[in-house]
Amino acid sequence: MMFGKLIAGSLGFMAAGPFGAVLGMYVGHQFDRGLGGFARPVSIAEQARISEAFFETVFSLLGNVAKADGRVSSIEVSQAESLMAKMNLDPIARRRAIDLFKEGSGANFSVDDVMQRFMLVCGRNNNLKQQLLNCLISLGMADGDLHINEQDVLRKVASHLGFSSALFDKFIQMIKAQSQFRGSGSGSAGQSRPSQDQLTDAYQALGVSASNSSGEIKKAYRKLMSQNHPDKLIGQGMPEDMISLATQKTQEIQVAYDLIVKQRKEP
């Protein structure tokens, strides 16, 4: 598709000459690709397709990750049931989730096949791709550890999503750090002076370091909050039942950022 690029380029040339044409073509290119602020609206029918694909992929891959170390433990079953409870699934959706989990833990399940289907429906949306990986890593680490075989499955998923091995490792580090702020209210960061370990976790939760400027840290914070914004994710097709996970993530990010800001203001 090049219609947006051609039209915007032509309008830009008429308005501001060659420079306007270049700028217009860039804007049109973003429109054609459906990225950034110029993303085309997602229709109700497409939202439904994306929502179903996301739901199917999450629960089938959860089953596969759980079985990756050789057996599905009672802890892993409890984690899946806890997710279903948080999502307030009705009986039909709950039965569907259980069936998908069992399917994913079966011997004939193919990660490649399910990821190809997911990418066909959701592959144009970077936020949803990252949300899928966030969900799987967070749930995989719910027992406090991520088995090497589980990492192998998740690394394959990340590869299908277009994330490099280095970026996958960074996601794990960030999600592990973010989990340290789970259940903390935004005001809790101001109750006492944070320890060095808390500060280290806070920087890692945002994917930055203490050497970054306050402006760079704010930029990283805003990007993460945008990626996890519930209204935006629903509009892009993420199942409403799973929005609680993104909401929890924004709370963790907010606490980490507030802690850094407070520490930087102190003498």
C-alpha atoms as a PDB file:
ATOM      1  CA  MET A   1       0.000   0.000   0.000  1.00  0.00           C
ATOM      2  CA  MET A   2       1.371   3.378  -1.099  1.00  0.00           C
ATOM      3  CA  PHE A   3      -1.730   5.564  -1.329  1.00  0.00           C
ATOM      4  CA  GLY A   4      -1.016   7.454   1.883  1.00  0.00           C
ATOM      5  CA  LYS A   5       2.593   8.063   0.866  1.00  0.00           C
ATOM      6  CA  LEU A   6       1.668   9.352  -2.615  1.00  0.00           C
ATOM      7  CA  ILE A   7      -1.163  11.594  -1.447  1.00  0.00           C
ATOM      8  CA  ALA A   8       0.673  13.061   1.536  1.00  0.00           C
ATOM      9  CA  GLY A   9       3.819  13.536  -0.537  1.00  0.00           C
ATOM     10  CA  SER A  10       1.911  15.429  -3.226  1.00  0.00           C
ATOM     11  CA  LEU A  11       0.155  17.654  -0.697  1.00  0.00           C
ATOM     12  CA  GLY A  12       3.447  18.308   1.075  1.00  0.00           C
ATOM     13  CA  PHE A  13       5.129  19.346  -2.195  1.00  0.00           C
ATOM     14  CA  MET A  14       2.333  21.799  -3.028  1.00  0.00           C
ATOM     15  CA  ALA A  15       2.485  23.288   0.478  1.00  0.00           C
ATOM     16  CA  ALA A  16       6.240  23.497   1.067  1.00  0.00           C
ATOM     17  CA  GLY A  17       8.139  22.278  -1.970  1.00  0.00           C
ATOM     18  CA  PRO A  18      10.681  19.423  -1.871  1.00  0.00           C
ATOM     19  CA  PHE A  19      11.034  19.508   1.921  1.00  0.00           C
ATOM     20  CA  GLY A  20       7.266  19.280   2.331  1.00  0.00           C
ATOM     21  CA  ALA A  21       7.182  16.370  -0.101  1.00  0.00           C
ATOM     22  CA  VAL A  22       9.741  14.436   1.951  1.00  0.00           C
ATOM     23  CA  LEU A  23       7.888  15.140   5.194  1.00  0.00           C
ATOM     24  CA  GLY A  24       4.555  14.293   3.594  1.00  0.00           C
ATOM     25  CA  MET A  25       5.855  10.991   2.237  1.00  0.00           C
ATOM     26  CA  TYR A  26       7.137  10.052   5.683  1.00  0.00           C
ATOM     27  CA  VAL A  27       3.749  10.800   7.266  1.00  0.00           C
ATOM     28  CA  GLY A  28       1.993   8.903   4.478  1.00  0.00           C
ATOM     29  CA  HIS A  29       4.335   5.955   4.954  1.00  0.00           C
ATOM     30  CA  GLN A  30       3.399   5.775   8.630  1.00  0.00           C
ATOM     31  CA  PHE A  31      -0.286   5.852   7.634  1.00  0.00           C
ATOM     32  CA  ASP A  32       0.204   3.061   5.100  1.00  0.00           C
ATOM     33  CA  ARG A  33       1.979   0.924   7.675  1.00  0.00           C
ATOM     34  CA  GLY A  34      -0.676   1.612  10.309  1.00  0.00           C
ATOM     35  CA  LEU A  35       1.880   2.617  12.940  1.00  0.00           C
ATOM     36  CA  GLY A  36       2.352   5.373  15.494  1.00  0.00           C
ATOM     37  CA  GLY A  37      -0.215   8.104  15.901  1.00  0.00           C
ATOM     38  CA  PHE A  38      -1.475   7.480  12.379  1.00  0.00           C
ATOM     39  CA  ALA A  39      -2.605   3.898  12.970  1.00  0.00           C
ATOM     40  CA  ARG A  40      -5.819   3.064  11.160  1.00  0.00           C
ATOM     41  CA  PRO A  41      -8.808   2.426  13.434  1.00  0.00           C
ATOM     42  CA  VAL A  42      -9.465  -1.204  14.296  1.00  0.00           C
ATOM     43  CA  SER A  43     -12.993  -2.264  13.349  1.00  0.00           C
ATOM     44  CA  ILE A  44     -15.229  -4.096  15.803  1.00  0.00           C
ATOM     45  CA  ALA A  45     -14.959  -7.257  13.710  1.00  0.00           C
ATOM     46  CA  GLU A  46     -11.157  -7.031  13.650  1.00  0.00           C
ATOM     47  CA  GLN A  47     -11.056  -6.375  17.396  1.00  0.00           C
ATOM     48  CA  ALA A  48     -13.014  -9.600  17.889  1.00  0.00           C
ATOM     49  CA  ARG A  49     -10.570 -11.551  15.699  1.00  0.00           C
ATOM     50  CA  ILE A  50      -7.569 -10.101  17.506  1.00  0.00           C
ATOM     51  CA  SER A  51      -9.124 -10.718  20.917  1.00  0.00           C
ATOM     52  CA  GLU A  52      -9.800 -14.374  20.093  1.00  0.00           C
ATOM     53  CA  ALA A  53      -6.302 -14.877  18.677  1.00  0.00           C
ATOM     54  CA  PHE A  54      -4.731 -13.302  21.763  1.00  0.00           C
ATOM     55  CA  PHE A  55      -6.822 -15.420  24.135  1.00  0.00           C
ATOM     56  CA  GLU A  56      -6.053 -18.649  22.283  1.00  0.00           C
ATOM     57  CA  THR A  57      -2.335 -17.908  22.075  1.00  0.00           C
ATOM     58  CA  VAL A  58      -1.917 -16.950  25.726  1.00  0.00           C
ATOM     59  CA  PHE A  59      -3.597 -20.010  27.225  1.00  0.00           C
ATOM     60  CA  SER A  60      -2.200 -22.576  24.808  1.00  0.00           C
ATOM     61  CA  LEU A  61       1.331 -21.214  25.269  1.00  0.00           C
ATOM     62  CA  LEU A  62       0.873 -21.156  29.039  1.00  0.00           C
ATOM     63  CA  GLY A  63       0.197 -24.878  28.851  1.00  0.00           C
ATOM     64  CA  ASN A  64       3.270 -25.393  26.707  1.00  0.00           C
ATOM     65  CA  VAL A  65       5.510 -23.336  29.006  1.00  0.00           C
ATOM     66  CA  ALA A  66       4.169 -25.248  32.031  1.00  0.00           C
ATOM     67  CA  LYS A  67       5.025 -28.578  30.390  1.00  0.00           C
ATOM     68  CA  ALA A  68       8.451 -27.389  29.169  1.00  0.00           C
ATOM     69  CA  ASP A  69      10.290 -28.776  32.206  1.00  0.00           C
ATOM     70  CA  GLY A  70       8.723 -32.218  31.769  1.00  0.00           C
ATOM     71  CA  ARG A  71       5.524 -32.006  33.782  1.00  0.00           C
ATOM     72  CA  VAL A  72       2.779 -29.588  34.701  1.00  0.00           C
ATOM     73  CA  SER A  73       3.085 -28.877  38.420  1.00  0.00           C
ATOM     74  CA  SER A  74       0.268 -28.054  40.808  1.00  0.00           C
ATOM     75  CA  ILE A  75       1.782 -24.571  41.209  1.00  0.00           C
ATOM     76  CA  GLU A  76       1.548 -23.970  37.469  1.00  0.00           C
ATOM     77  CA  VAL A  77      -2.056 -25.162  37.405  1.00  0.00           C
ATOM     78  CA  SER A  78      -2.820 -22.795  40.289  1.00  0.00           C
ATOM     79  CA  GLN A  79      -1.199 -19.933  38.366  1.00  0.00           C
ATOM     80  CA  ALA A  80      -3.423 -20.598  35.356  1.00  0.00           C
ATOM     81  CA  GLU A  81      -6.504 -20.811  37.582  1.00  0.00           C
ATOM     82  CA  SER A  82      -5.486 -17.561  39.316  1.00  0.00           C
ATOM     83  CA  LEU A  83      -5.269 -15.847  35.926  1.00  0.00           C
ATOM     84  CA  MET A  84      -8.749 -17.107  35.014  1.00  0.00           C
ATOM     85  CA  ALA A  85     -10.078 -15.792  38.334  1.00  0.00           C
ATOM     86  CA  LYS A  86      -8.520 -12.357  37.749  1.00  0.00           C
ATOM     87  CA  MET A  87     -10.119 -12.290  34.306  1.00  0.00           C
ATOM     88  CA  ASN A  88     -13.582 -13.097  35.754  1.00  0.00           C
ATOM     89  CA  LEU A  89     -14.190 -15.595  32.970  1.00  0.00           C
ATOM     90  CA  ASP A  90     -17.703 -16.931  32.551  1.00  0.00           C
ATOM     91  CA  PRO A  91     -18.087 -20.761  32.605  1.00  0.00           C
ATOM     92  CA  ILE A  92     -17.875 -21.093  28.813  1.00  0.00           C
ATOM     93  CA  ALA A  93     -14.723 -18.962  28.523  1.00  0.00           C
ATOM     94  CA  ARG A  94     -13.176 -20.739  31.511  1.00  0.00           C
ATOM     95  CA  ARG A  95     -13.778 -24.131  29.886  1.00  0.00           C
ATOM     96  CA  ARG A  96     -12.234 -22.810  26.690  1.00  0.00           C
ATOM     97  CA  ALA A  97      -9.160 -21.561  28.578  1.00  0.00           C
ATOM     98  CA  ILE A  98      -8.706 -24.939  30.309  1.00  0.00           C
ATOM     99  CA  ASP A  99      -8.996 -26.794  26.990  1.00  0.00           C
ATOM    100  CA  LEU A 100      -6.403 -24.492  25.394  1.00  0.00           C
ATOM    101  CA  PHE A 101      -4.049 -24.993  28.350  1.00  0.00           C
ATOM    102  CA  LYS A 102      -4.346 -28.784  28.007  1.00  0.00           C
ATOM    103  CA  GLU A 103      -3.859 -28.526  24.248  1.00  0.00           C
ATOM    104  CA  GLY A 104      -0.686 -26.511  24.759  1.00  0.00           C
ATOM    105  CA  SER A 105       0.708 -29.076  27.183  1.00  0.00           C
ATOM    106  CA  GLY A 106       0.089 -31.919  24.722  1.00  0.00           C
ATOM    107  CA  ALA A 107       2.888 -33.767  22.934  1.00  0.00           C
ATOM    108  CA  ASN A 108       1.751 -32.698  19.465  1.00  0.00           C
ATOM    109  CA  PHE A 109       1.455 -28.987  20.177  1.00  0.00           C
ATOM    110  CA  SER A 110       3.456 -26.722  17.838  1.00  0.00           C
ATOM    111  CA  VAL A 111       4.654 -23.335  19.089  1.00  0.00           C
ATOM    112  CA  ASP A 112       5.558 -22.435  15.516  1.00  0.00           C
ATOM    113  CA  ASP A 113       2.020 -23.076  14.249  1.00  0.00           C
ATOM    114  CA  VAL A 114       0.266 -21.079  16.973  1.00  0.00           C
ATOM    115  CA  MET A 115       2.693 -18.181  16.597  1.00  0.00           C
ATOM    116  CA  GLN A 116       2.216 -18.090  12.841  1.00  0.00           C
ATOM    117  CA  ARG A 117      -1.546 -17.797  13.386  1.00  0.00           C
ATOM    118  CA  PHE A 118      -1.039 -15.091  16.004  1.00  0.00           C
ATOM    119  CA  MET A 119       1.258 -13.062  13.769  1.00  0.00           C
ATOM    120  CA  LEU A 120      -1.171 -13.339  10.869  1.00  0.00           C
ATOM    121  CA  VAL A 121      -3.874 -11.645  12.952  1.00  0.00           C
ATOM    122  CA  CYS A 122      -1.912  -9.481  15.417  1.00  0.00           C
ATOM    123  CA  GLY A 123       1.520  -9.090  13.845  1.00  0.00           C
ATOM    124  CA  ARG A 124       1.073  -5.480  12.746  1.00  0.00           C
ATOM    125  CA  ASN A 125       0.602  -4.270  16.314  1.00  0.00           C
ATOM    126  CA  ASN A 126       3.822  -3.984  18.322  1.00  0.00           C
ATOM    127  CA  ASN A 127       1.987  -3.226  21.582  1.00  0.00           C
ATOM    128  CA  LEU A 128       0.021  -6.474  21.425  1.00  0.00           C
ATOM    129  CA  LYS A 129       3.123  -8.466  20.544  1.00  0.00           C
ATOM    130  CA  GLN A 130       4.904  -7.106  23.598  1.00  0.00           C
ATOM    131  CA  GLN A 131       1.823  -7.643  25.771  1.00  0.00           C
ATOM    132  CA  LEU A 132       1.776 -11.303  24.778  1.00  0.00           C
ATOM    133  CA  LEU A 133       5.398 -11.753  25.786  1.00  0.00           C
ATOM    134  CA  ASN A 134       4.870  -9.751  28.992  1.00  0.00           C
ATOM    135  CA  CYS A 135       1.961 -11.986  29.977  1.00  0.00           C
ATOM    136  CA  LEU A 136       3.862 -15.208  29.327  1.00  0.00           C
ATOM    137  CA  ILE A 137       7.058 -14.099  31.089  1.00  0.00           C
ATOM    138  CA  SER A 138       5.168 -12.694  34.084  1.00  0.00           C
ATOM    139  CA  LEU A 139       3.141 -15.862  34.534  1.00  0.00           C
ATOM    140  CA  GLY A 140       6.166 -18.058  33.910  1.00  0.00           C
ATOM    141  CA  MET A 141       7.973 -16.247  36.732  1.00  0.00           C
ATOM    142  CA  ALA A 142       5.021 -16.333  39.124  1.00  0.00           C
ATOM    143  CA  ASP A 143       6.648 -19.137  41.127  1.00  0.00           C
ATOM    144  CA  GLY A 144       9.801 -17.023  41.550  1.00  0.00           C
ATOM    145  CA  ASP A 145      11.855 -18.747  38.870  1.00  0.00           C
ATOM    146  CA  LEU A 146      11.985 -19.298  35.117  1.00  0.00           C
ATOM    147  CA  HIS A 147      13.232 -22.774  34.218  1.00  0.00           C
ATOM    148  CA  ILE A 148      15.772 -22.987  31.380  1.00  0.00           C
ATOM    149  CA  ASN A 149      13.316 -25.045  29.297  1.00  0.00           C
ATOM    150  CA  GLU A 150      10.615 -22.426  29.881  1.00  0.00           C
ATOM    151  CA  GLN A 151      13.062 -19.769  28.726  1.00  0.00           C
ATOM    152  CA  ASP A 152      13.701 -21.762  25.551  1.00  0.00           C
ATOM    153  CA  VAL A 153       9.981 -21.789  24.714  1.00  0.00           C
ATOM    154  CA  LEU A 154       9.627 -18.082  25.462  1.00  0.00           C
ATOM    155  CA  ARG A 155      12.743 -17.265  23.454  1.00  0.00           C
ATOM    156  CA  LYS A 156      11.178 -19.041  20.465  1.00  0.00           C
ATOM    157  CA  VAL A 157       7.996 -17.009  20.969  1.00  0.00           C
ATOM    158  CA  ALA A 158      10.056 -13.804  21.146  1.00  0.00           C
ATOM    159  CA  SER A 159      11.791 -14.730  17.904  1.00  0.00           C
ATOM    160  CA  HIS A 160       8.443 -15.159  16.133  1.00  0.00           C
ATOM    161  CA  LEU A 161       7.415 -11.752  17.484  1.00  0.00           C
ATOM    162  CA  GLY A 162      10.533 -10.169  16.002  1.00  0.00           C
ATOM    163  CA  PHE A 163      12.335  -9.505  19.290  1.00  0.00           C
ATOM    164  CA  SER A 164      16.072 -10.168  19.441  1.00  0.00           C
ATOM    165  CA  SER A 165      17.631 -12.444  22.034  1.00  0.00           C
ATOM    166  CA  ALA A 166      19.183  -9.411  23.757  1.00  0.00           C
ATOM    167  CA  LEU A 167      15.818  -7.644  23.929  1.00  0.00           C
ATOM    168  CA  PHE A 168      14.194 -10.804  25.296  1.00  0.00           C
ATOM    169  CA  ASP A 169      16.790 -10.921  28.085  1.00  0.00           C
ATOM    170  CA  LYS A 170      16.073  -7.258  28.847  1.00  0.00           C
ATOM    171  CA  PHE A 171      12.322  -7.960  29.045  1.00  0.00           C
ATOM    172  CA  ILE A 172      12.968 -10.696  31.611  1.00  0.00           C
ATOM    173  CA  GLN A 173      15.121  -8.356  33.682  1.00  0.00           C
ATOM    174  CA  MET A 174      12.503  -5.581  33.524  1.00  0.00           C
ATOM    175  CA  ILE A 175       9.559  -7.836  34.378  1.00  0.00           C
ATOM    176  CA  LYS A 176      11.425  -9.414  37.280  1.00  0.00           C
ATOM    177  CA  ALA A 177      12.215  -5.932  38.620  1.00  0.00           C
ATOM    178  CA  GLN A 178       8.651  -4.691  38.060  1.00  0.00           C
ATOM    179  CA  SER A 179       7.291  -7.602  40.071  1.00  0.00           C
ATOM    180  CA  GLN A 180       9.140  -6.255  43.126  1.00  0.00           C
ATOM    181  CA  PHE A 181       6.642  -3.373  43.197  1.00  0.00           C
ATOM    182  CA  ARG A 182       3.530  -5.541  42.902  1.00  0.00           C
ATOM    183  CA  GLY A 183       0.886  -4.642  45.440  1.00  0.00           C
ATOM    184  CA  SER A 184       2.611  -1.382  46.374  1.00  0.00           C
ATOM    185  CA  GLY A 185       0.512   1.752  46.269  1.00  0.00           C
ATOM    186  CA  SER A 186       1.933   4.780  44.473  1.00  0.00           C
ATOM    187  CA  GLY A 187       2.249   6.538  47.815  1.00  0.00           C
ATOM    188  CA  SER A 188       4.305   3.752  49.370  1.00  0.00           C
ATOM    189  CA  ALA A 189       7.448   4.931  47.602  1.00  0.00           C
ATOM    190  CA  GLY A 190       7.359   8.120  49.659  1.00  0.00           C
ATOM    191  CA  GLN A 191       7.002   6.522  53.092  1.00  0.00           C
ATOM    192  CA  SER A 192      10.719   6.039  53.705  1.00  0.00           C
ATOM    193  CA  ARG A 193      14.027   6.486  51.988  1.00  0.00           C
ATOM    194  CA  PRO A 194      14.426   3.662  49.438  1.00  0.00           C
ATOM    195  CA  SER A 195      17.223   1.153  49.837  1.00  0.00           C
ATOM    196  CA  GLN A 196      19.877   0.729  47.168  1.00  0.00           C
ATOM    197  CA  ASP A 197      18.302  -2.582  46.142  1.00  0.00           C
ATOM    198  CA  GLN A 198      14.923  -0.886  45.698  1.00  0.00           C
ATOM    199  CA  LEU A 199      16.486   1.816  43.549  1.00  0.00           C
ATOM    200  CA  THR A 200      18.276  -0.785  41.430  1.00  0.00           C
ATOM    201  CA  ASP A 201      14.970  -2.599  40.890  1.00  0.00           C
ATOM    202  CA  ALA A 202      13.239   0.690  40.053  1.00  0.00           C
ATOM    203  CA  TYR A 203      15.748   1.571  37.332  1.00  0.00           C
ATOM    204  CA  GLN A 204      15.639  -1.946  35.898  1.00  0.00           C
ATOM    205  CA  ALA A 205      11.819  -1.890  35.951  1.00  0.00           C
ATOM    206  CA  LEU A 206      11.928   1.049  33.540  1.00  0.00           C
ATOM    207  CA  GLY A 207      14.723  -0.422  31.441  1.00  0.00           C
ATOM    208  CA  VAL A 208      17.105   2.420  32.333  1.00  0.00           C
ATOM    209  CA  SER A 209      20.075   2.988  34.636  1.00  0.00           C
ATOM    210  CA  ALA A 210      21.127   5.548  37.234  1.00  0.00           C
ATOM    211  CA  SER A 211      23.417   7.107  34.620  1.00  0.00           C
ATOM    212  CA  ASN A 212      20.440   8.145  32.459  1.00  0.00           C
ATOM    213  CA  SER A 213      19.242  11.730  32.712  1.00  0.00           C
ATOM    214  CA  SER A 214      15.903  12.567  34.322  1.00  0.00           C
ATOM    215  CA  GLY A 215      14.576  13.433  30.867  1.00  0.00           C
ATOM    216  CA  GLU A 216      15.589  10.036  29.474  1.00  0.00           C
ATOM    217  CA  ILE A 217      13.999   8.270  32.429  1.00  0.00           C
ATOM    218  CA  LYS A 218      10.752  10.213  32.018  1.00  0.00           C
ATOM    219  CA  LYS A 219      10.705   9.293  28.325  1.00  0.00           C
ATOM    220  CA  ALA A 220      11.154   5.580  29.135  1.00  0.00           C
ATOM    221  CA  TYR A 221       8.433   5.809  31.798  1.00  0.00           C
ATOM    222  CA  ARG A 222       5.961   7.478  29.439  1.00  0.00           C
ATOM    223  CA  LYS A 223       6.654   4.905  26.726  1.00  0.00           C
ATOM    224  CA  LEU A 224       5.974   2.014  29.108  1.00  0.00           C
ATOM    225  CA  MET A 225       2.795   3.635  30.418  1.00  0.00           C
ATOM    226  CA  SER A 226       1.582   4.167  26.858  1.00  0.00           C
ATOM    227  CA  GLN A 227       2.341   0.553  25.900  1.00  0.00           C
ATOM    228  CA  ASN A 228       0.299  -0.695  28.865  1.00  0.00           C
ATOM    229  CA  HIS A 229      -2.556   1.832  28.744  1.00  0.00           C
ATOM    230  CA  PRO A 230      -5.781  -0.194  29.185  1.00  0.00           C
ATOM    231  CA  ASP A 231      -7.978   1.919  26.876  1.00  0.00           C
ATOM    232  CA  LYS A 232      -5.392   1.810  24.094  1.00  0.00           C
ATOM    233  CA  LEU A 233      -4.958  -1.955  24.399  1.00  0.00           C
ATOM    234  CA  ILE A 234      -8.716  -2.588  24.338  1.00  0.00           C
ATOM    235  CA  GLY A 235      -8.982  -0.433  21.226  1.00  0.00           C
ATOM    236  CA  GLN A 236      -6.252  -2.513  19.596  1.00  0.00           C
ATOM    237  CA  GLY A 237      -8.093  -5.751  20.290  1.00  0.00           C
ATOM    238  CA  MET A 238      -6.614  -7.069  23.544  1.00  0.00           C
ATOM    239  CA  PRO A 239      -9.304  -9.087  25.368  1.00  0.00           C
ATOM    240  CA  GLU A 240     -10.971  -6.922  28.013  1.00  0.00           C
ATOM    241  CA  ASP A 241     -10.738  -9.878  30.380  1.00  0.00           C
ATOM    242  CA  MET A 242      -6.922  -9.594  30.258  1.00  0.00           C
ATOM    243  CA  ILE A 243      -6.701  -5.841  30.797  1.00  0.00           C
ATOM    244  CA  SER A 244      -6.244  -6.376  34.545  1.00  0.00           C
ATOM    245  CA  LEU A 245      -2.730  -7.649  33.781  1.00  0.00           C
ATOM    246  CA  ALA A 246      -1.854  -4.432  31.941  1.00  0.00           C
ATOM    247  CA  THR A 247      -3.395  -2.363  34.738  1.00  0.00           C
ATOM    248  CA  GLN A 248      -1.246  -4.178  37.273  1.00  0.00           C
ATOM    249  CA  LYS A 249       1.791  -3.488  35.097  1.00  0.00           C
ATOM    250  CA  THR A 250       1.090   0.264  34.966  1.00  0.00           C
ATOM    251  CA  GLN A 251       0.822   0.321  38.765  1.00  0.00           C
ATOM    252  CA  GLU A 252       4.203  -1.374  39.127  1.00  0.00           C
ATOM    253  CA  ILE A 253       5.805   1.013  36.626  1.00  0.00           C
ATOM    254  CA  GLN A 254       4.258   4.027  38.372  1.00  0.00           C
ATOM    255  CA  VAL A 255       5.618   3.006  41.795  1.00  0.00           C
ATOM    256  CA  ALA A 256       9.097   2.426  40.346  1.00  0.00           C
ATOM    257  CA  TYR A 257       9.105   5.802  38.595  1.00  0.00           C
ATOM    258  CA  ASP A 258       7.799   7.667  41.668  1.00  0.00           C
ATOM    259  CA  LEU A 259      10.570   6.118  43.746  1.00  0.00           C
ATOM    260  CA  ILE A 260      13.261   7.306  41.298  1.00  0.00           C
ATOM    261  CA  VAL A 261      11.806  10.808  41.095  1.00  0.00           C
ATOM    262  CA  LYS A 262      11.662  11.098  44.877  1.00  0.00           C
ATOM    263  CA  GLN A 263      15.237   9.889  45.288  1.00  0.00           C
ATOM    264  CA  ARG A 264      16.534  12.348  42.673  1.00  0.00           C
ATOM    265  CA  LYS A 265      14.830  15.285  44.383  1.00  0.00           C
ATOM    266  CA  GLU A 266      16.383  14.505  47.746  1.00  0.00           C
ATOM    267  CA  PRO A 267      19.716  16.204  48.616  1.00  0.00           C
END
